[in-house]
Amino acid sequence: MAKWTRIVAGVTAAAALTAGVVPVASAKDGDVRVAGRCSQASASKLKLSPENGRIEVEFEVDQNRNGVRWNVVIAQNGKQRARTTRVTRAPSGSFEAHVVAPNTSGKDTFRARATSPSGEVCTARASF
C-alpha cells in the first residue's frame, strides 16, 4: 500500500509541476479577444489591445482559401475608423486588418465587418 501511495503522490506532484510549466494561451494583460460570427464556413475574431494610450484593433478572418478579396469596415462607437480591402493569404487562407484608434473617455465599442465576393459576411464586436 505504501508503494501505491508514493506512486500516486509522485504522479500528482509531476502533474502539478507540468501545469505550472505549460504555457497558457491567453491574451496579455489588458487585451480583449472575442470570437466573431460568419454567415458561412469562415471564422473571425477581434482583438483590442492598449497601445501607448490608444487602442490597437486587429480583426482576422480565416477562410482557408487563398486569394479571396474581402471588403472590411471597422467602426468605433458608430464612427468608421477604417474601410479597406484585404486578400486571404497562405498558409492559412486568412487576412488581418489593423487600425489604431483613440481611447475615448468611457467604454469604446468596436464593430468589424468583412464581406466576401460570394456574399459571406463575418462580424465581430468587442468593448474596451
Protein backbone atom coordinates (compact mmCIF):
# COMPACT_ATOMS: atom_id res chain seq x y z
CA MET A 1 0.00 0.00 0.00
CA ALA A 2 2.87 2.41 0.80
CA LYS A 3 4.33 1.88 -2.68
CA TRP A 4 0.95 2.77 -4.27
CA THR A 5 0.71 5.94 -2.15
CA ARG A 6 4.20 7.03 -3.27
CA ILE A 7 3.27 6.46 -6.93
CA VAL A 8 0.08 8.50 -6.60
CA ALA A 9 1.95 11.26 -4.77
CA GLY A 10 4.66 11.28 -7.45
CA VAL A 11 2.15 11.46 -10.30
CA THR A 12 0.24 14.25 -8.52
CA ALA A 13 3.44 16.24 -7.97
CA ALA A 14 4.53 15.76 -11.60
CA ALA A 15 1.12 16.89 -12.82
CA ALA A 16 1.27 19.99 -10.64
CA LEU A 17 4.75 20.88 -11.92
CA THR A 18 3.72 20.30 -15.53
CA ALA A 19 0.66 22.51 -15.11
CA GLY A 20 2.93 25.31 -13.95
CA VAL A 21 5.30 24.93 -16.91
CA VAL A 22 2.86 24.53 -19.81
CA PRO A 23 2.21 27.89 -21.45
CA VAL A 24 -1.38 29.06 -21.31
CA ALA A 25 -2.89 30.51 -24.49
CA SER A 26 -4.17 33.81 -23.18
CA ALA A 27 -4.14 37.44 -24.10
CA LYS A 28 -1.58 39.68 -22.49
CA ASP A 29 -2.82 41.87 -19.68
CA GLY A 30 -5.39 44.38 -20.87
CA ASP A 31 -6.19 42.65 -24.18
CA VAL A 32 -9.77 41.86 -25.12
CA ARG A 33 -10.34 38.93 -27.50
CA VAL A 34 -13.68 37.80 -28.91
CA ALA A 35 -14.75 35.24 -31.47
CA GLY A 36 -16.85 36.65 -34.27
CA ARG A 37 -19.51 35.12 -36.47
CA CYS A 38 -19.55 34.30 -40.15
CA SER A 39 -22.54 33.52 -42.33
CA GLN A 40 -20.79 30.56 -43.97
CA ALA A 41 -17.79 28.37 -43.06
CA SER A 42 -15.18 31.07 -42.32
CA ALA A 43 -14.14 32.11 -38.80
CA SER A 44 -13.46 35.58 -37.44
CA LYS A 45 -12.03 37.13 -34.30
CA LEU A 46 -11.41 40.60 -32.93
CA LYS A 47 -8.62 41.65 -30.57
CA LEU A 48 -8.36 45.01 -28.78
CA SER A 49 -5.10 45.98 -27.07
CA PRO A 50 -3.78 49.06 -25.28
CA GLU A 51 -1.23 50.86 -27.48
CA ASN A 52 0.52 53.91 -25.95
CA GLY A 53 -2.73 55.48 -24.71
CA ARG A 54 -4.65 54.38 -27.80
CA ILE A 55 -6.41 51.14 -28.79
CA GLU A 56 -4.99 48.72 -31.34
CA VAL A 57 -7.73 46.86 -33.18
CA GLU A 58 -6.97 43.59 -35.00
CA PHE A 59 -9.71 41.85 -36.99
CA GLU A 60 -8.92 38.47 -38.51
CA VAL A 61 -10.92 36.30 -40.89
CA ASP A 62 -9.84 32.74 -41.69
CA GLN A 63 -11.48 31.33 -44.80
CA ASN A 64 -8.99 28.51 -45.54
CA ARG A 65 -8.83 29.68 -49.14
CA ASN A 66 -6.10 31.90 -50.60
CA GLY A 67 -6.57 34.85 -52.93
CA VAL A 68 -10.08 35.96 -51.92
CA ARG A 69 -10.64 39.75 -51.66
CA TRP A 70 -12.75 40.88 -48.70
CA ASN A 71 -14.14 44.37 -48.06
CA VAL A 72 -13.58 45.32 -44.44
CA VAL A 73 -15.06 48.08 -42.26
CA ILE A 74 -14.02 48.76 -38.65
CA ALA A 75 -16.05 51.22 -36.56
CA GLN A 76 -15.59 52.65 -33.08
CA ASN A 77 -18.69 53.83 -31.21
CA GLY A 78 -20.55 54.00 -34.54
CA LYS A 79 -17.83 56.08 -36.26
CA GLN A 80 -15.98 54.46 -39.14
CA ARG A 81 -12.25 54.12 -38.37
CA ALA A 82 -11.19 52.02 -41.36
CA ARG A 83 -12.53 50.89 -44.73
CA THR A 84 -10.18 48.66 -46.68
CA THR A 85 -9.83 45.59 -48.86
CA ARG A 86 -7.84 42.59 -47.69
CA VAL A 87 -6.89 39.40 -49.54
CA THR A 88 -6.63 35.99 -47.88
CA ARG A 89 -3.06 34.67 -47.95
CA ALA A 90 -1.16 31.43 -47.45
CA PRO A 91 -0.53 29.42 -45.43
CA SER A 92 -3.91 29.56 -43.69
CA GLY A 93 -6.10 31.42 -46.17
CA SER A 94 -6.68 34.28 -43.77
CA PHE A 95 -6.22 38.03 -43.51
CA GLU A 96 -5.89 40.62 -40.76
CA ALA A 97 -6.99 44.24 -40.75
CA HIS A 98 -5.39 46.61 -38.21
CA VAL A 99 -6.20 50.09 -37.01
CA VAL A 100 -5.03 52.14 -34.03
CA ALA A 101 -7.90 54.21 -32.65
CA PRO A 102 -8.11 56.89 -29.97
CA ASN A 103 -9.03 55.74 -26.48
CA THR A 104 -12.02 57.96 -25.81
CA SER A 105 -13.47 58.59 -22.35
CA GLY A 106 -15.72 55.78 -21.18
CA LYS A 107 -16.25 52.45 -22.91
CA ASP A 108 -15.24 52.13 -26.56
CA THR A 109 -17.22 49.62 -28.62
CA PHE A 110 -15.69 48.32 -31.83
CA ARG A 111 -17.53 46.55 -34.63
CA ALA A 112 -15.77 44.88 -37.52
CA ARG A 113 -17.45 43.57 -40.67
CA ALA A 114 -15.95 41.81 -43.69
CA THR A 115 -17.80 40.84 -46.86
CA SER A 116 -16.51 38.40 -49.48
CA PRO A 117 -17.37 38.40 -53.21
CA SER A 118 -19.59 35.34 -52.62
CA GLY A 119 -21.66 37.35 -50.13
CA GLU A 120 -20.31 35.74 -46.97
CA VAL A 121 -20.31 38.19 -44.07
CA CYS A 122 -18.11 37.96 -40.98
CA THR A 123 -18.63 40.25 -37.99
CA ALA A 124 -17.21 40.74 -34.52
CA ARG A 125 -17.93 43.17 -31.71
CA ALA A 126 -15.98 43.98 -28.56
CA SER A 127 -15.71 46.75 -25.99
CA PHE A 128 -12.60 48.16 -24.36
